[in-house]
Amino acid sequence: MLKYQRIVIFLVAGILVAVVGTGAVFLWRMFQTPPVDVHEVGGTILIYEIDRTEPLDAPTMEQMIEKTKRRFAGRMGYLTVRPNGDRCIEIQVPRLKKLDNATEVETVRSIMAMTGKLDFRIAANNDDRPALEAAQEMYTNPAVKERAKLLALLGSPPEPPRHPTNPKGFLCMPNDSEHANYSWFRMGLEVLQQLRLDGDDADLTDPKSDASKLKEARAKGEPLRLVDNLDAAWLIYSRDCANANLKATERDQIKYEHFLLCRDHVQMKSDEPNKLDGSHLIDAYASVDDRGDPCIYFTLSKVGGDMFFDLTSRNVSAGDRNCYLATIFDSVVLTAPKVYSGIREHGQLSVPRFNRTQVDWMVAVLHAGCLPVPLKPVPVSQTTVEPSSKAR
């Protein structure tokens, strides 16, 4: 008797699971927003092209589409993201009554202009004297200055110093006898103001101020070493914005571009390579910092945390040694706080110049992760589609 009771119980449980599951699927389908056909309701079609010559294979294209959709998780009820050939991604922004189409298009463009690449570097400081001196020396060379003008037209970073004989780079961190190569990264407004090179604190009336010295160095086409500013000893290269990829109005608005020399990652103490970047990110969310400014709190994986700790613990500021951690998003140094101790999995990215909407965009892009192949930041095509006669 007990055996049959168990059978009946299992049958009833199975029927209930089936009914609940079917009902859940029905409700999910009922409340799902059906795909919106931009050719029926009208709207805008944006075409983005990959930034390389080789076409994408099918698996890579599938990853590109999936990661792009993740960026617009809250908008996939009406946006359409799909391949367009083997080199392009197409995004359809339909014209809906509840949304302003022009605003939606600009939002899509802003989000797609982000690469989502998060990076952390130590700003070159007094531990990096050989590289700093080599960079200053190389920019007295007229041939280097001519190449710098070409790079400015292309919108590319300046040429970094390279050791003439050692592929591992210049001696740095003398206590550890490490060697490193270096890269230039574009500086954001917050960092420029931190150094009193922009904003109300940038004094161009005093010829001895760093702002005046930077202006003079820019005219010479040479980098400026900030010896006394915040004890940073940073090296900054400033140039007129001549990027031919931008419109004249955009170049006029930017006016100047400033770059900070940063140390590439060195081997960890364990002799393993330090490959710390945004690929080790496991969580990020928008919030506000202690001053009430927008910020992003992030968490790294165990592996990423170990790399972060190795990087920060070996570059702690003490006495006359001052080390700053450049936090870089989309190749732009957003913040550069002083390192006081080793940091592991948890960190904070302060972005006081961004509004909450922009911070939310950054978080969405960080969650989606970098695209396997970069896209050109500006769409190669933007087409306005009128609604069909049936929808009018």
Protein backbone atom coordinates (compact mmCIF):
# COMPACT_ATOMS: atom_id res chain seq x y z
CA MET A 1 0.00 0.00 0.00
CA LEU A 2 2.82 2.36 0.94
CA LYS A 3 4.51 1.59 -2.36
CA TYR A 4 1.43 2.73 -4.36
CA GLN A 5 1.07 5.86 -2.24
CA ARG A 6 4.64 6.83 -3.14
CA ILE A 7 3.95 6.27 -6.83
CA VAL A 8 0.84 8.49 -6.65
CA ILE A 9 2.80 11.20 -4.83
CA PHE A 10 5.56 11.14 -7.47
CA LEU A 11 2.97 11.31 -10.28
CA VAL A 12 1.17 14.24 -8.69
CA ALA A 13 4.47 16.05 -8.10
CA GLY A 14 5.46 15.49 -11.73
CA ILE A 15 2.13 16.85 -12.99
CA LEU A 16 2.46 19.93 -10.75
CA VAL A 17 6.01 20.62 -11.99
CA ALA A 18 4.82 20.30 -15.60
CA VAL A 19 1.84 22.60 -15.01
CA VAL A 20 3.94 25.22 -13.18
CA GLY A 21 6.68 25.04 -15.81
CA THR A 22 4.19 25.41 -18.68
CA GLY A 23 2.51 28.32 -16.91
CA ALA A 24 5.85 30.03 -16.32
CA VAL A 25 6.79 29.71 -19.98
CA PHE A 26 3.33 31.02 -20.98
CA LEU A 27 3.62 34.04 -18.65
CA TRP A 28 7.22 34.73 -19.81
CA ARG A 29 6.08 34.71 -23.43
CA MET A 30 3.03 36.82 -22.64
CA PHE A 31 5.05 39.54 -20.93
CA GLN A 32 8.01 39.45 -23.28
CA THR A 33 8.13 42.45 -25.61
CA PRO A 34 7.92 41.06 -29.15
CA PRO A 35 10.76 42.05 -31.53
CA VAL A 36 10.17 45.45 -33.07
CA ASP A 37 10.64 45.67 -36.83
CA VAL A 38 12.32 48.99 -37.57
CA HIS A 39 11.02 48.81 -41.15
CA GLU A 40 7.44 48.77 -39.85
CA VAL A 41 7.62 51.49 -37.17
CA GLY A 42 10.56 53.48 -38.53
CA GLY A 43 13.75 54.33 -36.72
CA THR A 44 17.50 54.27 -37.21
CA ILE A 45 19.94 51.57 -38.34
CA LEU A 46 23.55 51.83 -37.17
CA ILE A 47 26.31 49.77 -38.79
CA TYR A 48 29.57 49.21 -36.89
CA GLU A 49 32.63 47.76 -38.60
CA ILE A 50 35.43 45.76 -36.97
CA ASP A 51 38.76 47.53 -36.63
CA ARG A 52 40.88 44.99 -38.47
CA THR A 53 41.31 43.77 -42.04
CA GLU A 54 40.43 40.07 -41.61
CA PRO A 55 36.73 39.09 -41.55
CA LEU A 56 35.19 37.39 -38.52
CA ASP A 57 34.59 33.66 -38.39
CA ALA A 58 31.18 32.41 -37.23
CA PRO A 59 32.09 31.66 -33.56
CA THR A 60 33.76 35.07 -33.12
CA MET A 61 30.81 36.86 -34.70
CA GLU A 62 28.50 35.01 -32.33
CA GLN A 63 30.56 36.24 -29.36
CA MET A 64 30.51 39.79 -30.75
CA ILE A 65 26.72 39.75 -30.99
CA GLU A 66 26.27 38.22 -27.54
CA LYS A 67 28.58 40.71 -25.80
CA THR A 68 26.99 43.63 -27.65
CA LYS A 69 23.55 42.50 -26.52
CA ARG A 70 24.77 42.37 -22.91
CA ARG A 71 25.65 46.05 -23.13
CA PHE A 72 21.98 46.78 -23.85
CA ALA A 73 20.44 44.24 -21.47
CA GLY A 74 17.69 46.67 -20.44
CA ARG A 75 16.92 47.62 -24.05
CA MET A 76 16.86 44.25 -25.80
CA GLY A 77 13.05 44.26 -25.67
CA TYR A 78 13.08 46.63 -28.65
CA LEU A 79 16.64 46.90 -30.00
CA THR A 80 17.81 44.46 -32.65
CA VAL A 81 21.49 43.45 -32.73
CA ARG A 82 22.58 41.16 -35.55
CA PRO A 83 25.47 40.46 -37.95
CA ASN A 84 25.73 42.44 -41.15
CA GLY A 85 28.07 40.44 -43.35
CA ASP A 86 31.28 39.08 -41.82
CA ARG A 87 32.78 42.43 -40.83
CA CYS A 88 29.93 44.46 -39.37
CA ILE A 89 27.34 44.53 -36.60
CA GLU A 90 23.96 46.09 -37.20
CA ILE A 91 21.93 47.75 -34.44
CA GLN A 92 18.33 48.74 -35.15
CA VAL A 93 16.83 51.47 -32.97
CA PRO A 94 13.04 51.56 -33.61
CA ARG A 95 10.95 54.70 -33.27
CA LEU A 96 8.59 54.10 -30.35
CA LYS A 97 6.02 56.44 -28.83
CA LYS A 98 7.36 56.03 -25.30
CA LEU A 99 10.96 56.85 -26.31
CA ASP A 100 12.71 59.75 -27.99
CA ASN A 101 14.45 58.16 -30.97
CA ALA A 102 17.21 60.77 -31.22
CA THR A 103 18.09 60.29 -27.54
CA GLU A 104 18.09 56.51 -27.90
CA VAL A 105 20.37 56.69 -30.93
CA GLU A 106 22.85 58.92 -29.07
CA THR A 107 22.75 56.55 -26.10
CA VAL A 108 23.54 53.58 -28.34
CA ARG A 109 26.37 55.52 -29.98
CA SER A 110 27.82 56.53 -26.60
CA ILE A 111 27.75 52.98 -25.28
CA MET A 112 29.20 51.53 -28.48
CA ALA A 113 32.04 54.09 -28.39
CA MET A 114 33.27 52.41 -25.18
CA THR A 115 35.65 49.48 -25.52
CA GLY A 116 35.05 48.42 -21.93
CA LYS A 117 38.77 47.91 -21.35
CA LEU A 118 39.80 48.41 -17.72
CA ASP A 119 43.48 48.62 -16.86
CA PHE A 120 45.72 49.49 -13.94
CA ARG A 121 49.26 50.87 -14.25
CA ILE A 122 51.79 52.57 -12.02
CA ALA A 123 52.48 56.11 -13.22
CA ALA A 124 56.18 56.45 -14.00
CA ASN A 125 57.88 58.05 -10.97
CA ASN A 126 61.30 58.37 -9.37
CA ASP A 127 61.60 54.56 -9.47
CA ASP A 128 61.63 54.92 -13.25
CA ARG A 129 64.38 57.52 -13.71
CA PRO A 130 66.16 55.73 -16.62
CA ALA A 131 62.93 55.61 -18.67
CA LEU A 132 61.96 59.18 -17.77
CA GLU A 133 65.34 60.49 -18.82
CA ALA A 134 65.31 58.44 -22.05
CA ALA A 135 61.88 59.79 -22.95
CA GLN A 136 62.96 63.37 -22.34
CA GLU A 137 66.10 62.83 -24.42
CA MET A 138 64.32 61.17 -27.36
CA TYR A 139 61.91 64.09 -27.78
CA THR A 140 64.80 66.46 -28.44
CA ASN A 141 65.32 64.51 -31.68
CA PRO A 142 63.71 66.30 -34.69
CA ALA A 143 62.86 62.95 -36.34
CA VAL A 144 60.92 61.85 -33.25
CA LYS A 145 59.06 65.17 -33.21
CA GLU A 146 58.04 64.67 -36.85
CA ARG A 147 56.74 61.18 -36.10
CA ALA A 148 54.85 62.65 -33.15
CA LYS A 149 53.01 65.01 -35.49
CA LEU A 150 51.91 62.07 -37.65
CA LEU A 151 50.69 60.15 -34.58
CA ALA A 152 48.71 63.23 -33.53
CA LEU A 153 46.97 63.28 -36.92
CA LEU A 154 46.08 59.61 -36.50
CA GLY A 155 44.82 60.20 -32.96
CA SER A 156 47.36 57.67 -31.64
CA PRO A 157 49.35 57.99 -28.40
CA PRO A 158 52.89 59.39 -28.58
CA GLU A 159 55.89 57.14 -29.12
CA PRO A 160 57.13 55.67 -25.80
CA PRO A 161 60.81 55.25 -24.90
CA ARG A 162 62.41 51.94 -25.84
CA HIS A 163 65.62 50.56 -24.40
CA PRO A 164 68.24 50.34 -27.19
CA THR A 165 69.56 46.89 -26.22
CA ASN A 166 67.37 45.27 -23.56
CA PRO A 167 63.95 44.04 -24.80
CA LYS A 168 62.81 43.79 -21.16
CA GLY A 169 63.10 47.57 -20.95
CA PHE A 170 64.61 49.98 -18.46
CA LEU A 171 65.65 49.34 -14.89
CA CYS A 172 62.83 50.28 -12.51
CA MET A 173 61.90 49.59 -8.90
CA PRO A 174 65.62 49.51 -7.92
CA ASN A 175 64.93 47.54 -4.74
CA ASP A 176 63.57 44.66 -6.84
CA SER A 177 65.96 45.12 -9.80
CA GLU A 178 63.05 44.85 -12.22
CA HIS A 179 62.96 46.03 -15.84
CA ALA A 180 59.94 47.41 -17.67
CA ASN A 181 58.71 48.96 -20.88
CA TYR A 182 56.37 51.94 -20.90
CA SER A 183 53.25 53.30 -22.58
CA TRP A 184 51.52 56.68 -22.85
CA PHE A 185 47.88 56.95 -21.77
CA ARG A 186 45.51 59.83 -22.40
CA MET A 187 44.73 61.82 -19.24
CA GLY A 188 41.18 62.54 -18.14
CA LEU A 189 40.02 65.87 -16.76
CA GLU A 190 39.97 64.68 -13.15
CA VAL A 191 43.69 63.80 -13.20
CA LEU A 192 44.60 67.07 -14.92
CA GLN A 193 42.78 68.97 -12.20
CA GLN A 194 44.44 66.81 -9.54
CA LEU A 195 47.77 68.12 -10.88
CA ARG A 196 46.46 71.68 -11.21
CA LEU A 197 46.97 71.59 -14.97
CA ASP A 198 43.34 72.34 -15.81
CA GLY A 199 40.46 74.22 -14.23
CA ASP A 200 40.53 77.08 -11.72
CA ASP A 201 43.84 75.96 -10.16
CA ALA A 202 45.73 76.02 -13.48
CA ASP A 203 47.69 79.28 -13.20
CA LEU A 204 48.95 80.39 -16.63
CA THR A 205 49.85 83.87 -15.34
CA ASP A 206 52.77 82.53 -13.30
CA PRO A 207 55.60 81.43 -15.66
CA LYS A 208 56.91 79.11 -12.93
CA SER A 209 53.63 77.19 -12.56
CA ASP A 210 53.38 73.68 -13.99
CA ALA A 211 50.50 74.81 -16.22
CA SER A 212 52.77 77.46 -17.79
CA LYS A 213 55.67 75.00 -18.08
CA LEU A 214 53.38 72.47 -19.78
CA LYS A 215 52.27 75.12 -22.27
CA GLU A 216 55.92 75.87 -23.06
CA ALA A 217 56.77 72.18 -23.43
CA ARG A 218 53.81 71.70 -25.77
CA ALA A 219 55.10 74.48 -28.01
CA LYS A 220 58.49 72.70 -28.18
CA GLY A 221 56.94 69.27 -28.80
CA GLU A 222 58.61 67.87 -25.70
CA PRO A 223 57.32 66.15 -22.55
CA LEU A 224 57.35 67.85 -19.15
CA ARG A 225 58.52 66.18 -15.98
CA LEU A 226 56.60 67.34 -12.92
CA VAL A 227 59.31 67.26 -10.30
CA ASP A 228 57.57 69.03 -7.43
CA ASN A 229 53.86 68.68 -8.22
CA LEU A 230 52.32 66.43 -5.53
CA ASP A 231 55.74 64.70 -5.27
CA ALA A 232 54.63 62.77 -8.34
CA ALA A 233 57.63 63.25 -10.68
CA TRP A 234 55.28 62.29 -13.53
CA LEU A 235 56.13 62.73 -17.18
CA ILE A 236 53.41 64.37 -19.29
CA TYR A 237 53.28 64.92 -23.02
CA SER A 238 50.87 67.60 -24.26
CA ARG A 239 49.92 68.39 -27.84
CA ASP A 240 47.35 70.29 -29.87
CA CYS A 241 44.39 68.12 -30.84
CA ALA A 242 45.00 67.42 -34.55
CA ASN A 243 43.12 64.11 -34.84
CA ALA A 244 41.99 63.89 -38.46
CA ASN A 245 39.34 61.34 -37.47
CA LEU A 246 37.41 64.05 -35.59
CA LYS A 247 35.34 66.89 -36.92
CA ALA A 248 36.83 70.39 -36.75
CA THR A 249 34.28 71.36 -34.08
CA GLU A 250 35.28 68.34 -31.97
CA ARG A 251 38.98 69.19 -32.28
CA ASP A 252 38.26 72.79 -31.26
CA GLN A 253 36.30 71.57 -28.25
CA ILE A 254 39.09 69.22 -27.08
CA LYS A 255 41.83 71.75 -27.95
CA TYR A 256 44.67 69.89 -26.21
CA GLU A 257 45.50 66.24 -25.55
CA HIS A 258 47.61 65.24 -22.54
CA PHE A 259 49.32 61.87 -22.02
CA LEU A 260 50.83 60.28 -18.92
CA LEU A 261 53.77 57.88 -19.12
CA CYS A 262 52.97 54.65 -17.26
CA ARG A 263 54.96 51.55 -16.52
CA ASP A 264 53.95 48.32 -18.23
CA HIS A 265 53.44 45.37 -15.90
CA VAL A 266 56.55 43.60 -14.59
CA GLN A 267 56.88 39.96 -13.55
CA MET A 268 55.21 39.11 -10.27
CA LYS A 269 57.31 38.06 -7.29
CA SER A 270 56.24 34.51 -8.08
CA ASP A 271 57.98 34.97 -11.50
CA GLU A 272 54.61 34.62 -13.22
CA PRO A 273 53.53 37.32 -15.69
CA ASN A 274 51.21 39.99 -14.32
CA LYS A 275 48.34 40.24 -16.81
CA LEU A 276 46.05 42.37 -14.67
CA ASP A 277 43.23 43.93 -16.69
CA GLY A 278 39.45 44.04 -16.84
CA SER A 279 39.19 40.39 -17.88
CA HIS A 280 39.61 39.52 -14.18
CA LEU A 281 36.57 41.59 -13.20
CA ILE A 282 33.74 39.55 -11.67
CA ASP A 283 31.45 42.32 -10.41
CA ALA A 284 30.91 46.06 -10.71
CA TYR A 285 28.14 48.36 -9.53
CA ALA A 286 27.44 52.09 -9.48
CA SER A 287 27.40 53.97 -6.19
CA VAL A 288 28.73 57.17 -4.59
CA ASP A 289 31.99 57.68 -2.71
CA ASP A 290 32.63 59.34 0.66
CA ARG A 291 32.34 62.80 -0.95
CA GLY A 292 29.02 61.96 -2.58
CA ASP A 293 30.55 61.76 -6.07
CA PRO A 294 29.63 58.98 -8.54
CA CYS A 295 31.90 55.96 -8.41
CA ILE A 296 32.10 52.31 -9.43
CA TYR A 297 32.91 49.62 -6.90
CA PHE A 298 34.47 46.55 -8.45
CA THR A 299 35.55 43.06 -7.43
CA LEU A 300 38.29 41.03 -9.08
CA SER A 301 38.68 37.28 -9.22
CA LYS A 302 41.14 35.51 -6.91
CA VAL A 303 43.73 35.45 -9.70
CA GLY A 304 43.12 39.11 -10.51
CA GLY A 305 43.26 40.00 -6.82
CA ASP A 306 46.65 38.32 -6.47
CA MET A 307 47.94 40.33 -9.45
CA PHE A 308 46.46 43.55 -8.04
CA PHE A 309 48.09 42.90 -4.67
CA ASP A 310 51.47 42.19 -6.27
CA LEU A 311 51.23 45.43 -8.26
CA THR A 312 50.14 47.66 -5.37
CA SER A 313 52.10 46.11 -2.48
CA ARG A 314 55.38 46.55 -4.38
CA ASN A 315 54.61 50.19 -5.12
CA VAL A 316 53.59 51.54 -1.71
CA SER A 317 54.40 55.19 -1.08
CA ALA A 318 56.81 55.63 1.83
CA GLY A 319 59.15 58.48 2.76
CA ASP A 320 60.40 60.16 -0.42
CA ARG A 321 58.92 57.39 -2.57
CA ASN A 322 55.55 58.40 -4.05
CA CYS A 323 53.67 55.93 -6.24
CA TYR A 324 50.36 56.54 -7.96
CA LEU A 325 48.01 53.95 -9.44
CA ALA A 326 46.62 55.02 -12.80
CA THR A 327 43.14 53.55 -13.21
CA ILE A 328 42.46 53.44 -16.94
CA PHE A 329 39.15 52.97 -18.72
CA ASP A 330 39.08 52.91 -22.52
CA SER A 331 42.75 53.98 -22.61
CA VAL A 332 42.00 57.14 -20.57
CA VAL A 333 43.46 57.70 -17.08
CA LEU A 334 40.36 58.51 -15.03
CA THR A 335 41.96 58.62 -11.60
CA ALA A 336 45.46 58.24 -10.16
CA PRO A 337 45.29 57.86 -6.38
CA LYS A 338 48.39 57.52 -4.25
CA VAL A 339 49.18 53.94 -3.19
CA TYR A 340 49.35 53.59 0.59
CA SER A 341 49.00 49.81 0.93
CA GLY A 342 48.50 46.61 -1.01
CA ILE A 343 45.02 46.09 -2.50
CA ARG A 344 43.49 42.74 -3.35
CA GLU A 345 40.09 41.91 -4.86
CA HIS A 346 38.06 45.02 -4.04
CA GLY A 347 38.57 48.47 -5.49
CA GLN A 348 36.86 51.75 -6.24
CA LEU A 349 36.90 53.84 -9.42
CA SER A 350 35.89 57.45 -8.70
CA VAL A 351 34.34 59.29 -11.65
CA PRO A 352 33.14 62.65 -10.25
CA ARG A 353 32.92 64.25 -13.71
CA PHE A 354 30.41 61.65 -14.90
CA ASN A 355 26.68 61.71 -14.24
CA ARG A 356 24.79 58.67 -12.97
CA THR A 357 23.58 57.72 -16.46
CA GLN A 358 27.14 57.66 -17.81
CA VAL A 359 28.28 55.60 -14.82
CA ASP A 360 25.48 53.11 -15.46
CA TRP A 361 26.66 52.83 -19.08
CA MET A 362 30.20 52.11 -17.89
CA VAL A 363 28.96 49.43 -15.50
CA ALA A 364 26.91 47.78 -18.27
CA VAL A 365 29.93 47.75 -20.58
CA LEU A 366 32.19 46.38 -17.83
CA HIS A 367 29.68 43.61 -17.09
CA ALA A 368 29.47 42.74 -20.79
CA GLY A 369 33.25 42.54 -21.07
CA CYS A 370 35.53 43.58 -23.91
CA LEU A 371 34.54 42.56 -27.39
CA PRO A 372 36.78 39.80 -28.80
CA VAL A 373 37.57 42.10 -31.74
CA PRO A 374 37.41 45.89 -31.38
CA LEU A 375 34.91 47.90 -33.40
CA LYS A 376 35.52 51.31 -34.89
CA PRO A 377 34.03 53.73 -32.33
CA VAL A 378 31.98 55.64 -34.93
CA PRO A 379 29.37 53.82 -37.08
CA VAL A 380 30.32 53.51 -40.74
CA SER A 381 26.65 54.00 -41.60
CA GLN A 382 23.64 55.60 -39.93
CA THR A 383 20.39 55.32 -41.85
CA THR A 384 16.99 56.75 -40.98
CA VAL A 385 14.11 54.39 -41.84
CA GLU A 386 10.60 55.72 -42.37
CA PRO A 387 7.64 53.64 -41.11
CA SER A 388 5.77 51.45 -43.56
CA SER A 389 2.41 52.68 -44.92
CA LYS A 390 0.65 50.09 -42.75
CA ALA A 391 2.16 51.62 -39.57
CA ARG A 392 1.28 55.22 -40.47
